[in-house]
Amino acid sequence: MGVQFAMRITFLLLLSCGLSEAAAPPMAKPGCTYLCGNVSIPYPFGITADCYFNDWFKINCSTGNDSSVRAFLPSIDMEVLEIKFPDPNNDDDSFSSFELGIVRVKMPIIISSNCTSTDPSNGGVNMKGGPFYFSSYRNKFISVGCNNMAVMTGIDPMLVGCNSDCNSEPKIDKEANCSGFKCCQTTVPSGIQVFNVSFKSKDGKNNGSEKCKYAFLAEKEWFESDITNLSYEMLLLERVP
C-alpha cells in the first residue's frame, strides 16, 4: 500500500498522514508489536527497528515506578496517551475535515523563575525539523497567576499571550472559565512547532515578591471538564494532556 507522508502533528498532537481513500484503518506493520500497555501503536509509529517510519516515530515502551507500562516518544521527550487515525471506511465525527490523525501526549507545564518549589519542567518544547505541530483546533494556551502577562516565545513574528490578575473577586465565576481572574486563556496559532513562555508583570513592576506563574498548552476538553481550581491544582501537576 502506498503511503504519502506529508505529516504534521498537533497537540494533543495532531498527526497528518496522507492515506489512500481505500486504505484500511492504520495498524502496525506485519510482525510488529501493536500495543504498549493500553496504547495502540499503528504505523508509521513502532517500537522496534524496522517497525517505525523513521526516528521521529519511534516509541519507547517501558515500565514506570508504579509498574504501569507506558509509551514514550523520545523524539519529543513526551509520554503518549493515545494515537488515533480516522477509519477511512467509516465516518468519524471526532475528526475535523482537515485532521488525518491525532496523538495525545503529556505536555510539560512551564513555571516562572521565582517559584520556590522545584521546577518540574521548564525547558519548553521544540519540534522543529520534525513532522509534528501543535493543534490549534484542539488545544488552548493557558496561564495562571497574579499580575501576570504570559507570552509565547519562539513563534516570531506572531505575538500570542494573555493577562491575569487577582486584584478583586469577580462578580461572576470567572475562575471557572479562565477569563482573566487568576487564569487566562487564548487560542493556539496554527502550524507552530515550538512552545516556550516569557512571564512579565502585568503592571510593569517587579518587586521580587511575585507568586508563581504557570503556562501550558492543554487539550480543550480536558481543561474545560477536569480543572476546577487552577491556582491549587497547578501545584500538584507536572504535565497535562
C-alpha atoms as a PDB file:
ATOM      1  CA  MET A   1       0.000   0.000   0.000  1.00  0.00           C
ATOM      2  CA  GLY A   2       1.346   3.408  -0.928  1.00  0.00           C
ATOM      3  CA  VAL A   3       1.516   5.856   1.994  1.00  0.00           C
ATOM      4  CA  GLN A   4       2.282   9.516   1.459  1.00  0.00           C
ATOM      5  CA  PHE A   5       3.920  11.138   4.460  1.00  0.00           C
ATOM      6  CA  ALA A   6       3.052  14.805   4.439  1.00  0.00           C
ATOM      7  CA  MET A   7       2.994  14.624   8.210  1.00  0.00           C
ATOM      8  CA  ARG A   8       2.021  17.153  10.787  1.00  0.00           C
ATOM      9  CA  ILE A   9       1.169  16.527  14.381  1.00  0.00           C
ATOM     10  CA  THR A  10      -0.702  18.708  16.721  1.00  0.00           C
ATOM     11  CA  PHE A  11      -1.154  18.899  20.450  1.00  0.00           C
ATOM     12  CA  LEU A  12      -2.583  16.565  21.788  1.00  0.00           C
ATOM     13  CA  LEU A  13      -0.539  16.263  18.927  1.00  0.00           C
ATOM     14  CA  LEU A  14      -2.279  16.145  15.552  1.00  0.00           C
ATOM     15  CA  LEU A  15      -0.610  13.797  13.108  1.00  0.00           C
ATOM     16  CA  SER A  16      -1.403  14.460   9.480  1.00  0.00           C
ATOM     17  CA  CYS A  17      -0.667  11.438   7.348  1.00  0.00           C
ATOM     18  CA  GLY A  18      -1.886  11.098   3.770  1.00  0.00           C
ATOM     19  CA  LEU A  19      -3.585   7.721   3.278  1.00  0.00           C
ATOM     20  CA  SER A  20      -5.310   6.445   0.166  1.00  0.00           C
ATOM     21  CA  GLU A  21      -9.096   6.603   0.376  1.00  0.00           C
ATOM     22  CA  ALA A  22      -9.346   2.820   0.013  1.00  0.00           C
ATOM     23  CA  ALA A  23      -6.820   2.142   2.756  1.00  0.00           C
ATOM     24  CA  ALA A  24      -7.640   0.004   5.765  1.00  0.00           C
ATOM     25  CA  PRO A  25      -7.537   1.600   9.225  1.00  0.00           C
ATOM     26  CA  PRO A  26      -3.891   2.138  10.279  1.00  0.00           C
ATOM     27  CA  MET A  27      -2.273  -0.785  12.061  1.00  0.00           C
ATOM     28  CA  ALA A  28       1.201  -1.980  12.949  1.00  0.00           C
ATOM     29  CA  LYS A  29       3.469  -3.430  10.276  1.00  0.00           C
ATOM     30  CA  PRO A  30       3.309  -7.233   9.993  1.00  0.00           C
ATOM     31  CA  GLY A  31       5.403  -8.854  12.694  1.00  0.00           C
ATOM     32  CA  CYS A  32       5.486  -5.682  14.823  1.00  0.00           C
ATOM     33  CA  THR A  33       4.059  -5.190  18.309  1.00  0.00           C
ATOM     34  CA  TYR A  34       0.796  -3.261  18.207  1.00  0.00           C
ATOM     35  CA  LEU A  35       0.354  -2.466  21.905  1.00  0.00           C
ATOM     36  CA  CYS A  36       2.400  -0.711  24.580  1.00  0.00           C
ATOM     37  CA  GLY A  37       0.408  -1.024  27.779  1.00  0.00           C
ATOM     38  CA  ASN A  38      -3.051   0.182  26.752  1.00  0.00           C
ATOM     39  CA  VAL A  39      -1.774   2.410  23.913  1.00  0.00           C
ATOM     40  CA  SER A  40      -2.171   1.121  20.344  1.00  0.00           C
ATOM     41  CA  ILE A  41       0.911   1.719  18.182  1.00  0.00           C
ATOM     42  CA  PRO A  42      -0.099   1.899  14.484  1.00  0.00           C
ATOM     43  CA  TYR A  43       2.383   2.524  11.680  1.00  0.00           C
ATOM     44  CA  PRO A  44       4.167   4.921  10.984  1.00  0.00           C
ATOM     45  CA  PHE A  45       4.854   4.575  14.723  1.00  0.00           C
ATOM     46  CA  GLY A  46       6.596   1.485  16.026  1.00  0.00           C
ATOM     47  CA  ILE A  47       8.529   0.069  18.950  1.00  0.00           C
ATOM     48  CA  THR A  48      11.359  -1.977  17.431  1.00  0.00           C
ATOM     49  CA  ALA A  49      13.700  -1.495  14.485  1.00  0.00           C
ATOM     50  CA  ASP A  50      12.024  -1.689  11.056  1.00  0.00           C
ATOM     51  CA  CYS A  51       8.607  -1.114  12.667  1.00  0.00           C
ATOM     52  CA  TYR A  52       8.552   2.700  12.516  1.00  0.00           C
ATOM     53  CA  PHE A  53       8.896   5.044   9.531  1.00  0.00           C
ATOM     54  CA  ASN A  54      11.857   6.978  10.949  1.00  0.00           C
ATOM     55  CA  ASP A  55      13.266   8.002  14.324  1.00  0.00           C
ATOM     56  CA  TRP A  56      10.608  10.686  14.809  1.00  0.00           C
ATOM     57  CA  PHE A  57       8.021   7.909  15.136  1.00  0.00           C
ATOM     58  CA  LYS A  58       9.991   5.546  17.351  1.00  0.00           C
ATOM     59  CA  ILE A  59       8.122   4.525  20.513  1.00  0.00           C
ATOM     60  CA  ASN A  60       9.896   3.525  23.713  1.00  0.00           C
ATOM     61  CA  CYS A  61       7.790   1.111  25.739  1.00  0.00           C
ATOM     62  CA  SER A  62       8.840   0.948  29.386  1.00  0.00           C
ATOM     63  CA  THR A  63       7.578   0.133  32.869  1.00  0.00           C
ATOM     64  CA  GLY A  64       7.204   3.013  35.308  1.00  0.00           C
ATOM     65  CA  ASN A  65       7.810   3.119  39.051  1.00  0.00           C
ATOM     66  CA  ASP A  66       4.152   2.233  39.577  1.00  0.00           C
ATOM     67  CA  SER A  67       4.610  -0.924  37.443  1.00  0.00           C
ATOM     68  CA  SER A  68       2.420   0.501  34.663  1.00  0.00           C
ATOM     69  CA  VAL A  69       3.600   0.104  31.067  1.00  0.00           C
ATOM     70  CA  ARG A  70       3.896   3.434  29.260  1.00  0.00           C
ATOM     71  CA  ALA A  71       4.653   4.617  25.742  1.00  0.00           C
ATOM     72  CA  PHE A  72       7.085   7.476  25.103  1.00  0.00           C
ATOM     73  CA  LEU A  73       8.090   9.433  22.008  1.00  0.00           C
ATOM     74  CA  PRO A  74      11.806  10.083  22.624  1.00  0.00           C
ATOM     75  CA  SER A  75      11.973  12.399  19.600  1.00  0.00           C
ATOM     76  CA  ILE A  76       9.903  14.956  21.529  1.00  0.00           C
ATOM     77  CA  ASP A  77      10.512  13.578  25.048  1.00  0.00           C
ATOM     78  CA  MET A  78       6.852  13.101  25.956  1.00  0.00           C
ATOM     79  CA  GLU A  79       4.615  10.288  27.157  1.00  0.00           C
ATOM     80  CA  VAL A  80       1.986   9.132  24.660  1.00  0.00           C
ATOM     81  CA  LEU A  81      -1.599   8.755  25.873  1.00  0.00           C
ATOM     82  CA  GLU A  82      -3.234   7.817  22.573  1.00  0.00           C
ATOM     83  CA  ILE A  83      -2.537   7.506  18.856  1.00  0.00           C
ATOM     84  CA  LYS A  84      -5.632   7.642  16.706  1.00  0.00           C
ATOM     85  CA  PHE A  85      -6.381   7.723  12.998  1.00  0.00           C
ATOM     86  CA  PRO A  86      -9.842   8.009  11.437  1.00  0.00           C
ATOM     87  CA  ASP A  87     -11.216   4.921   9.738  1.00  0.00           C
ATOM     88  CA  PRO A  88     -11.264   5.812   6.014  1.00  0.00           C
ATOM     89  CA  ASN A  89     -14.129   3.357   5.512  1.00  0.00           C
ATOM     90  CA  ASN A  90     -16.417   4.935   8.123  1.00  0.00           C
ATOM     91  CA  ASP A  91     -17.453   8.471   9.002  1.00  0.00           C
ATOM     92  CA  ASP A  92     -15.797   9.681  12.207  1.00  0.00           C
ATOM     93  CA  ASP A  93     -17.264  12.854  13.667  1.00  0.00           C
ATOM     94  CA  SER A  94     -14.447  13.110  16.203  1.00  0.00           C
ATOM     95  CA  PHE A  95     -12.101  14.302  13.444  1.00  0.00           C
ATOM     96  CA  SER A  96     -12.438  17.578  11.582  1.00  0.00           C
ATOM     97  CA  SER A  97     -12.175  17.655   7.806  1.00  0.00           C
ATOM     98  CA  PHE A  98      -8.507  18.680   7.924  1.00  0.00           C
ATOM     99  CA  GLU A  99      -7.383  16.187  10.578  1.00  0.00           C
ATOM    100  CA  LEU A 100      -5.867  12.930   9.425  1.00  0.00           C
ATOM    101  CA  GLY A 101      -4.774  11.691  12.829  1.00  0.00           C
ATOM    102  CA  ILE A 102      -4.034  12.739  16.412  1.00  0.00           C
ATOM    103  CA  VAL A 103      -1.519  11.825  19.069  1.00  0.00           C
ATOM    104  CA  ARG A 104      -2.350  12.771  22.648  1.00  0.00           C
ATOM    105  CA  VAL A 105       0.660  13.324  24.895  1.00  0.00           C
ATOM    106  CA  LYS A 106       1.513  14.664  28.325  1.00  0.00           C
ATOM    107  CA  MET A 107       2.602  18.297  27.913  1.00  0.00           C
ATOM    108  CA  PRO A 108       5.081  19.915  30.330  1.00  0.00           C
ATOM    109  CA  ILE A 109       3.941  22.862  32.444  1.00  0.00           C
ATOM    110  CA  ILE A 110       6.257  25.881  32.344  1.00  0.00           C
ATOM    111  CA  ILE A 111       6.610  27.866  35.572  1.00  0.00           C
ATOM    112  CA  SER A 112       8.145  31.253  36.337  1.00  0.00           C
ATOM    113  CA  SER A 113      11.670  31.513  37.719  1.00  0.00           C
ATOM    114  CA  ASN A 114      10.529  32.998  41.047  1.00  0.00           C
ATOM    115  CA  CYS A 115       8.772  29.820  42.181  1.00  0.00           C
ATOM    116  CA  THR A 116      10.146  28.367  45.410  1.00  0.00           C
ATOM    117  CA  SER A 117       9.247  24.763  44.639  1.00  0.00           C
ATOM    118  CA  THR A 118      11.370  22.505  42.461  1.00  0.00           C
ATOM    119  CA  ASP A 119      10.835  23.248  38.804  1.00  0.00           C
ATOM    120  CA  PRO A 120       9.352  20.066  37.236  1.00  0.00           C
ATOM    121  CA  SER A 121       9.958  21.003  33.615  1.00  0.00           C
ATOM    122  CA  ASN A 122      10.839  24.469  32.461  1.00  0.00           C
ATOM    123  CA  GLY A 123      12.566  23.824  29.159  1.00  0.00           C
ATOM    124  CA  GLY A 124       9.623  24.157  26.800  1.00  0.00           C
ATOM    125  CA  VAL A 125       9.176  22.037  23.687  1.00  0.00           C
ATOM    126  CA  ASN A 126      10.930  22.370  20.330  1.00  0.00           C
ATOM    127  CA  MET A 127       9.856  20.078  17.482  1.00  0.00           C
ATOM    128  CA  LYS A 128      11.452  21.997  14.611  1.00  0.00           C
ATOM    129  CA  GLY A 129      12.628  19.802  11.771  1.00  0.00           C
ATOM    130  CA  GLY A 130      10.095  17.113  12.605  1.00  0.00           C
ATOM    131  CA  PRO A 131       6.644  16.140  11.365  1.00  0.00           C
ATOM    132  CA  PHE A 132       4.758  17.335  14.459  1.00  0.00           C
ATOM    133  CA  TYR A 133       2.790  20.530  15.031  1.00  0.00           C
ATOM    134  CA  PHE A 134       0.714  21.837  17.927  1.00  0.00           C
ATOM    135  CA  SER A 135      -3.013  21.643  17.297  1.00  0.00           C
ATOM    136  CA  SER A 136      -4.768  24.991  17.091  1.00  0.00           C
ATOM    137  CA  TYR A 137      -8.060  23.127  16.703  1.00  0.00           C
ATOM    138  CA  ARG A 138      -7.922  21.025  19.880  1.00  0.00           C
ATOM    139  CA  ASN A 139      -5.781  22.999  22.331  1.00  0.00           C
ATOM    140  CA  LYS A 140      -5.664  26.227  24.300  1.00  0.00           C
ATOM    141  CA  PHE A 141      -2.837  28.327  25.667  1.00  0.00           C
ATOM    142  CA  ILE A 142      -3.480  28.791  29.396  1.00  0.00           C
ATOM    143  CA  SER A 143      -1.650  30.759  32.043  1.00  0.00           C
ATOM    144  CA  VAL A 144      -2.260  31.014  35.782  1.00  0.00           C
ATOM    145  CA  GLY A 145      -1.030  33.698  38.153  1.00  0.00           C
ATOM    146  CA  CYS A 146      -1.442  37.147  39.685  1.00  0.00           C
ATOM    147  CA  ASN A 147      -0.189  40.330  37.992  1.00  0.00           C
ATOM    148  CA  ASN A 148       0.635  38.031  35.133  1.00  0.00           C
ATOM    149  CA  MET A 149       1.451  38.640  31.483  1.00  0.00           C
ATOM    150  CA  ALA A 150       2.404  35.374  29.773  1.00  0.00           C
ATOM    151  CA  VAL A 151       3.632  35.447  26.171  1.00  0.00           C
ATOM    152  CA  MET A 152       4.547  32.526  23.927  1.00  0.00           C
ATOM    153  CA  THR A 153       8.111  32.811  22.622  1.00  0.00           C
ATOM    154  CA  GLY A 154       9.899  31.364  19.604  1.00  0.00           C
ATOM    155  CA  ILE A 155       6.957  31.927  17.238  1.00  0.00           C
ATOM    156  CA  ASP A 156       8.029  35.255  15.675  1.00  0.00           C
ATOM    157  CA  PRO A 157       6.582  37.295  14.064  1.00  0.00           C
ATOM    158  CA  MET A 158       3.405  36.243  15.899  1.00  0.00           C
ATOM    159  CA  LEU A 159       2.609  37.686  19.329  1.00  0.00           C
ATOM    160  CA  VAL A 160       0.394  35.395  21.414  1.00  0.00           C
ATOM    161  CA  GLY A 161      -0.319  35.584  25.125  1.00  0.00           C
ATOM    162  CA  CYS A 162      -2.797  36.582  27.828  1.00  0.00           C
ATOM    163  CA  ASN A 163      -3.101  38.510  31.117  1.00  0.00           C
ATOM    164  CA  SER A 164      -4.464  37.530  34.522  1.00  0.00           C
ATOM    165  CA  ASP A 165      -4.649  39.155  37.948  1.00  0.00           C
ATOM    166  CA  CYS A 166      -6.008  38.536  41.443  1.00  0.00           C
ATOM    167  CA  ASN A 167      -6.888  42.079  42.463  1.00  0.00           C
ATOM    168  CA  SER A 168     -10.554  41.572  43.192  1.00  0.00           C
ATOM    169  CA  GLU A 169     -13.130  38.826  43.235  1.00  0.00           C
ATOM    170  CA  PRO A 170     -15.147  38.785  40.002  1.00  0.00           C
ATOM    171  CA  LYS A 171     -18.897  39.373  40.107  1.00  0.00           C
ATOM    172  CA  ILE A 172     -19.343  36.159  38.168  1.00  0.00           C
ATOM    173  CA  ASP A 173     -17.350  32.940  38.376  1.00  0.00           C
ATOM    174  CA  LYS A 174     -14.560  33.953  36.034  1.00  0.00           C
ATOM    175  CA  GLU A 175     -12.088  31.491  37.533  1.00  0.00           C
ATOM    176  CA  ALA A 176     -14.102  28.590  36.163  1.00  0.00           C
ATOM    177  CA  ASN A 177     -13.943  29.816  32.582  1.00  0.00           C
ATOM    178  CA  CYS A 178     -10.456  31.310  32.910  1.00  0.00           C
ATOM    179  CA  SER A 179     -11.230  34.777  31.616  1.00  0.00           C
ATOM    180  CA  GLY A 180      -8.670  36.900  33.473  1.00  0.00           C
ATOM    181  CA  PHE A 181      -9.186  36.364  37.201  1.00  0.00           C
ATOM    182  CA  LYS A 182      -6.220  34.229  38.344  1.00  0.00           C
ATOM    183  CA  CYS A 183      -6.275  32.476  34.981  1.00  0.00           C
ATOM    184  CA  CYS A 184      -6.332  33.467  31.315  1.00  0.00           C
ATOM    185  CA  GLN A 185      -6.521  31.621  28.022  1.00  0.00           C
ATOM    186  CA  THR A 186      -6.207  32.216  24.313  1.00  0.00           C
ATOM    187  CA  THR A 187      -6.127  30.297  21.058  1.00  0.00           C
ATOM    188  CA  VAL A 188      -3.065  28.468  19.763  1.00  0.00           C
ATOM    189  CA  PRO A 189      -1.649  29.611  16.409  1.00  0.00           C
ATOM    190  CA  SER A 190      -1.769  27.014  13.665  1.00  0.00           C
ATOM    191  CA  GLY A 191       1.360  25.351  12.344  1.00  0.00           C
ATOM    192  CA  ILE A 192       3.743  26.086  15.231  1.00  0.00           C
ATOM    193  CA  GLN A 193       6.385  23.609  16.401  1.00  0.00           C
ATOM    194  CA  VAL A 194       7.858  25.491  19.370  1.00  0.00           C
ATOM    195  CA  PHE A 195       6.376  26.188  22.789  1.00  0.00           C
ATOM    196  CA  ASN A 196       8.049  28.307  25.428  1.00  0.00           C
ATOM    197  CA  VAL A 197       6.842  31.188  27.567  1.00  0.00           C
ATOM    198  CA  SER A 198       8.072  34.522  28.861  1.00  0.00           C
ATOM    199  CA  PHE A 199       6.463  35.825  32.083  1.00  0.00           C
ATOM    200  CA  LYS A 200       6.192  39.515  32.897  1.00  0.00           C
ATOM    201  CA  SER A 201       4.334  41.630  35.427  1.00  0.00           C
ATOM    202  CA  LYS A 202       1.060  42.953  34.081  1.00  0.00           C
ATOM    203  CA  ASP A 203       1.627  46.369  35.705  1.00  0.00           C
ATOM    204  CA  GLY A 204       5.234  46.551  34.542  1.00  0.00           C
ATOM    205  CA  LYS A 205       6.583  46.361  38.083  1.00  0.00           C
ATOM    206  CA  ASN A 206       8.538  43.510  39.624  1.00  0.00           C
ATOM    207  CA  ASN A 207       9.201  43.878  43.343  1.00  0.00           C
ATOM    208  CA  GLY A 208      10.601  40.381  43.840  1.00  0.00           C
ATOM    209  CA  SER A 209       7.601  39.164  45.843  1.00  0.00           C
ATOM    210  CA  GLU A 210       5.607  37.818  42.897  1.00  0.00           C
ATOM    211  CA  LYS A 211       3.977  34.437  43.378  1.00  0.00           C
ATOM    212  CA  CYS A 212       4.389  31.516  40.991  1.00  0.00           C
ATOM    213  CA  LYS A 213       3.045  31.808  37.463  1.00  0.00           C
ATOM    214  CA  TYR A 214       2.300  28.876  35.189  1.00  0.00           C
ATOM    215  CA  ALA A 215       1.662  28.402  31.492  1.00  0.00           C
ATOM    216  CA  PHE A 216       0.900  25.392  29.327  1.00  0.00           C
ATOM    217  CA  LEU A 217      -0.867  24.100  26.261  1.00  0.00           C
ATOM    218  CA  ALA A 218      -3.759  21.790  27.088  1.00  0.00           C
ATOM    219  CA  GLU A 219      -6.483  19.844  25.392  1.00  0.00           C
ATOM    220  CA  LYS A 220      -9.680  21.923  25.412  1.00  0.00           C
ATOM    221  CA  GLU A 221     -11.973  19.143  26.590  1.00  0.00           C
ATOM    222  CA  TRP A 222      -9.665  18.160  29.458  1.00  0.00           C
ATOM    223  CA  PHE A 223      -9.238  21.753  30.580  1.00  0.00           C
ATOM    224  CA  GLU A 224     -12.942  22.564  30.481  1.00  0.00           C
ATOM    225  CA  SER A 225     -14.057  19.399  32.281  1.00  0.00           C
ATOM    226  CA  ASP A 226     -11.296  18.402  34.721  1.00  0.00           C
ATOM    227  CA  ILE A 227      -9.882  21.611  36.174  1.00  0.00           C
ATOM    228  CA  THR A 228     -11.805  23.439  38.898  1.00  0.00           C
ATOM    229  CA  ASN A 229      -9.194  25.300  40.952  1.00  0.00           C
ATOM    230  CA  LEU A 230      -6.205  26.088  38.766  1.00  0.00           C
ATOM    231  CA  SER A 231      -4.307  28.068  41.391  1.00  0.00           C
ATOM    232  CA  TYR A 232      -4.204  24.991  43.648  1.00  0.00           C
ATOM    233  CA  GLU A 233      -4.120  22.196  41.097  1.00  0.00           C
ATOM    234  CA  MET A 234      -1.110  23.607  39.235  1.00  0.00           C
ATOM    235  CA  LEU A 235       0.921  22.950  42.391  1.00  0.00           C
ATOM    236  CA  LEU A 236       0.138  19.241  42.058  1.00  0.00           C
ATOM    237  CA  LEU A 237       0.535  18.763  38.300  1.00  0.00           C
ATOM    238  CA  GLU A 238       3.739  18.480  36.308  1.00  0.00           C
ATOM    239  CA  ARG A 239       2.224  17.668  32.918  1.00  0.00           C
ATOM    240  CA  VAL A 240      -1.172  17.970  31.288  1.00  0.00           C
ATOM    241  CA  PRO A 241      -2.803  16.242  28.293  1.00  0.00           C
END
